[in-house]
Amino acid sequence: QVQLVESGGGQVRPGGSLRLSCVATSSIGDIINMGWWRQTPGKEREFVGMILNGGTTNYAASVRGRFAISRNSAGNAMTLQMNSLKPEDTGVYYCNAFAGAPPRSYWGQGTQVTVSS
């Protein structure tokens, strides 16, 4: 049963932009917060940023000022606008939602982002 669906990954040159999207199915219940994580081979999954129900956002220092997260008014879809991309931003990006009752963490299948000249 699909619960988080991501889209928008791809390959871009350094300095370019990409936009990722994540849509949650109604089956995961009420969403408390949503966020993005990324992972490269041989490394642990790392936090990129998150958005709370009230719209407050929080970002990793490595992406602050370059990435922006937003959610739709229904609260079940999220985007990650990535600007001024660097090679070190390369990785598989995962959508995460903390939702339901009792709340639990949900993960998308991941989408590849490659920043290379």
C-alpha atoms as a PDB file:
ATOM      1  CA  GLN A   1       0.000   0.000   0.000  1.00  0.00           C
ATOM      2  CA  VAL A   2       1.621   3.237  -1.213  1.00  0.00           C
ATOM      3  CA  GLN A   3       1.630   5.984   1.414  1.00  0.00           C
ATOM      4  CA  LEU A   4       4.196   8.635   0.331  1.00  0.00           C
ATOM      5  CA  VAL A   5       4.928   9.239  -3.343  1.00  0.00           C
ATOM      6  CA  GLU A   6       7.929  11.317  -4.412  1.00  0.00           C
ATOM      7  CA  SER A   7       8.759  12.825  -7.770  1.00  0.00           C
ATOM      8  CA  GLY A   8      11.061  15.371  -9.378  1.00  0.00           C
ATOM      9  CA  GLY A   9      14.560  13.938  -9.034  1.00  0.00           C
ATOM     10  CA  GLY A  10      17.093  14.020 -11.827  1.00  0.00           C
ATOM     11  CA  GLN A  11      20.487  15.291 -12.893  1.00  0.00           C
ATOM     12  CA  VAL A  12      21.537  18.924 -12.919  1.00  0.00           C
ATOM     13  CA  ARG A  13      24.752  20.903 -13.264  1.00  0.00           C
ATOM     14  CA  PRO A  14      26.299  22.672 -10.258  1.00  0.00           C
ATOM     15  CA  GLY A  15      24.500  25.925  -9.630  1.00  0.00           C
ATOM     16  CA  GLY A  16      21.269  24.587 -11.079  1.00  0.00           C
ATOM     17  CA  SER A  17      17.882  23.973  -9.489  1.00  0.00           C
ATOM     18  CA  LEU A  18      15.543  21.053  -8.942  1.00  0.00           C
ATOM     19  CA  ARG A  19      12.139  20.731  -7.351  1.00  0.00           C
ATOM     20  CA  LEU A  20      11.038  17.605  -5.506  1.00  0.00           C
ATOM     21  CA  SER A  21       7.472  16.785  -4.592  1.00  0.00           C
ATOM     22  CA  CYS A  22       5.923  14.395  -2.093  1.00  0.00           C
ATOM     23  CA  VAL A  23       2.258  13.471  -1.811  1.00  0.00           C
ATOM     24  CA  ALA A  24       0.795  11.561   1.125  1.00  0.00           C
ATOM     25  CA  THR A  25      -2.146   9.234   0.649  1.00  0.00           C
ATOM     26  CA  SER A  26      -5.109   9.597   2.955  1.00  0.00           C
ATOM     27  CA  SER A  27      -4.267   6.267   4.567  1.00  0.00           C
ATOM     28  CA  ILE A  28      -1.543   7.703   6.792  1.00  0.00           C
ATOM     29  CA  GLY A  29      -3.938   9.840   8.830  1.00  0.00           C
ATOM     30  CA  ASP A  30      -3.392  13.337  10.207  1.00  0.00           C
ATOM     31  CA  ILE A  31       0.085  14.650   9.471  1.00  0.00           C
ATOM     32  CA  ILE A  32       2.022  16.355  12.257  1.00  0.00           C
ATOM     33  CA  ASN A  33       5.078  17.296  10.254  1.00  0.00           C
ATOM     34  CA  MET A  34       6.795  16.444   6.985  1.00  0.00           C
ATOM     35  CA  GLY A  35      10.422  16.550   6.011  1.00  0.00           C
ATOM     36  CA  TRP A  36      13.199  15.548   3.636  1.00  0.00           C
ATOM     37  CA  TRP A  37      16.240  13.390   4.282  1.00  0.00           C
ATOM     38  CA  ARG A  38      19.003  12.286   1.935  1.00  0.00           C
ATOM     39  CA  GLN A  39      21.490   9.471   1.738  1.00  0.00           C
ATOM     40  CA  THR A  40      24.656   8.769  -0.239  1.00  0.00           C
ATOM     41  CA  PRO A  41      26.366   5.367  -0.559  1.00  0.00           C
ATOM     42  CA  GLY A  42      28.309   4.441   2.552  1.00  0.00           C
ATOM     43  CA  LYS A  43      26.775   7.176   4.668  1.00  0.00           C
ATOM     44  CA  GLU A  44      23.866   7.347   7.069  1.00  0.00           C
ATOM     45  CA  ARG A  45      20.687   9.076   6.072  1.00  0.00           C
ATOM     46  CA  GLU A  46      20.951  12.768   6.967  1.00  0.00           C
ATOM     47  CA  PHE A  47      18.361  15.405   7.761  1.00  0.00           C
ATOM     48  CA  VAL A  48      17.749  18.056   5.084  1.00  0.00           C
ATOM     49  CA  GLY A  49      14.760  20.005   6.356  1.00  0.00           C
ATOM     50  CA  MET A  50      11.244  19.835   7.719  1.00  0.00           C
ATOM     51  CA  ILE A  51       8.005  21.785   7.921  1.00  0.00           C
ATOM     52  CA  LEU A  52       5.592  21.750  10.850  1.00  0.00           C
ATOM     53  CA  ASN A  53       1.831  22.055  10.673  1.00  0.00           C
ATOM     54  CA  GLY A  54       1.978  25.760  11.449  1.00  0.00           C
ATOM     55  CA  GLY A  55       4.365  26.362   8.565  1.00  0.00           C
ATOM     56  CA  THR A  56       7.543  26.681  10.604  1.00  0.00           C
ATOM     57  CA  THR A  57      10.536  25.292   8.742  1.00  0.00           C
ATOM     58  CA  ASN A  58      13.880  24.020   9.909  1.00  0.00           C
ATOM     59  CA  TYR A  59      16.900  23.211   7.718  1.00  0.00           C
ATOM     60  CA  ALA A  60      20.265  21.572   7.996  1.00  0.00           C
ATOM     61  CA  ALA A  61      23.061  24.122   8.022  1.00  0.00           C
ATOM     62  CA  SER A  62      24.436  22.711   4.777  1.00  0.00           C
ATOM     63  CA  VAL A  63      21.304  23.652   2.804  1.00  0.00           C
ATOM     64  CA  ARG A  64      19.984  26.694   4.667  1.00  0.00           C
ATOM     65  CA  GLY A  65      19.502  29.614   2.314  1.00  0.00           C
ATOM     66  CA  ARG A  66      19.526  27.378  -0.783  1.00  0.00           C
ATOM     67  CA  PHE A  67      16.648  24.963  -0.140  1.00  0.00           C
ATOM     68  CA  ALA A  68      13.037  25.799   0.700  1.00  0.00           C
ATOM     69  CA  ILE A  69      10.220  23.518   1.846  1.00  0.00           C
ATOM     70  CA  SER A  70       6.543  24.279   1.430  1.00  0.00           C
ATOM     71  CA  ARG A  71       3.246  22.435   1.946  1.00  0.00           C
ATOM     72  CA  ASN A  72      -0.117  22.777   0.276  1.00  0.00           C
ATOM     73  CA  SER A  73      -3.129  24.105   2.157  1.00  0.00           C
ATOM     74  CA  ALA A  74      -4.532  20.600   2.642  1.00  0.00           C
ATOM     75  CA  GLY A  75      -1.285  19.614   4.341  1.00  0.00           C
ATOM     76  CA  ASN A  76      -0.837  16.384   2.435  1.00  0.00           C
ATOM     77  CA  ALA A  77       1.710  17.479  -0.160  1.00  0.00           C
ATOM     78  CA  MET A  78       5.139  18.989   0.212  1.00  0.00           C
ATOM     79  CA  THR A  79       7.761  20.381  -2.126  1.00  0.00           C
ATOM     80  CA  LEU A  80      11.503  20.889  -1.785  1.00  0.00           C
ATOM     81  CA  GLN A  81      12.863  23.684  -3.955  1.00  0.00           C
ATOM     82  CA  MET A  82      16.602  23.235  -4.305  1.00  0.00           C
ATOM     83  CA  ASN A  83      18.664  26.117  -5.706  1.00  0.00           C
ATOM     84  CA  SER A  84      22.385  26.696  -6.146  1.00  0.00           C
ATOM     85  CA  LEU A  85      22.939  22.955  -6.111  1.00  0.00           C
ATOM     86  CA  LYS A  86      26.376  21.580  -5.324  1.00  0.00           C
ATOM     87  CA  PRO A  87      27.932  18.181  -6.106  1.00  0.00           C
ATOM     88  CA  GLU A  88      27.734  17.346  -2.402  1.00  0.00           C
ATOM     89  CA  ASP A  89      23.943  17.610  -2.608  1.00  0.00           C
ATOM     90  CA  THR A  90      23.954  14.426  -4.670  1.00  0.00           C
ATOM     91  CA  GLY A  91      22.068  11.550  -3.111  1.00  0.00           C
ATOM     92  CA  VAL A  92      18.764   9.750  -2.764  1.00  0.00           C
ATOM     93  CA  TYR A  93      16.206  12.087  -1.263  1.00  0.00           C
ATOM     94  CA  TYR A  94      13.499  10.627   0.946  1.00  0.00           C
ATOM     95  CA  CYS A  95      10.217  12.177   1.966  1.00  0.00           C
ATOM     96  CA  ASN A  96       9.214  11.632   5.582  1.00  0.00           C
ATOM     97  CA  ALA A  97       5.922  12.215   7.365  1.00  0.00           C
ATOM     98  CA  PHE A  98       5.143  11.889  11.070  1.00  0.00           C
ATOM     99  CA  ALA A  99       1.460  11.083  11.138  1.00  0.00           C
ATOM    100  CA  GLY A 100      -1.429   9.018  12.391  1.00  0.00           C
ATOM    101  CA  ALA A 101      -2.737   7.994  15.787  1.00  0.00           C
ATOM    102  CA  PRO A 102      -0.627   6.933  17.499  1.00  0.00           C
ATOM    103  CA  PRO A 103       1.885   8.894  15.395  1.00  0.00           C
ATOM    104  CA  ARG A 104       4.528   7.026  13.491  1.00  0.00           C
ATOM    105  CA  SER A 105       7.095   7.800  10.829  1.00  0.00           C
ATOM    106  CA  TYR A 106       6.393   7.104   7.161  1.00  0.00           C
ATOM    107  CA  TRP A 107       8.964   7.092   4.353  1.00  0.00           C
ATOM    108  CA  GLY A 108       8.761   7.482   0.608  1.00  0.00           C
ATOM    109  CA  GLN A 109      10.633   5.261  -1.802  1.00  0.00           C
ATOM    110  CA  GLY A 110      13.337   7.846  -2.505  1.00  0.00           C
ATOM    111  CA  THR A 111      14.259   9.832  -5.589  1.00  0.00           C
ATOM    112  CA  GLN A 112      17.769  10.271  -6.991  1.00  0.00           C
ATOM    113  CA  VAL A 113      19.320  13.724  -7.254  1.00  0.00           C
ATOM    114  CA  THR A 114      22.641  13.996  -9.081  1.00  0.00           C
ATOM    115  CA  VAL A 115      24.601  17.250  -9.288  1.00  0.00           C
ATOM    116  CA  SER A 116      27.420  16.894 -11.744  1.00  0.00           C
ATOM    117  CA  SER A 117      29.071  18.782 -14.570  1.00  0.00           C
END
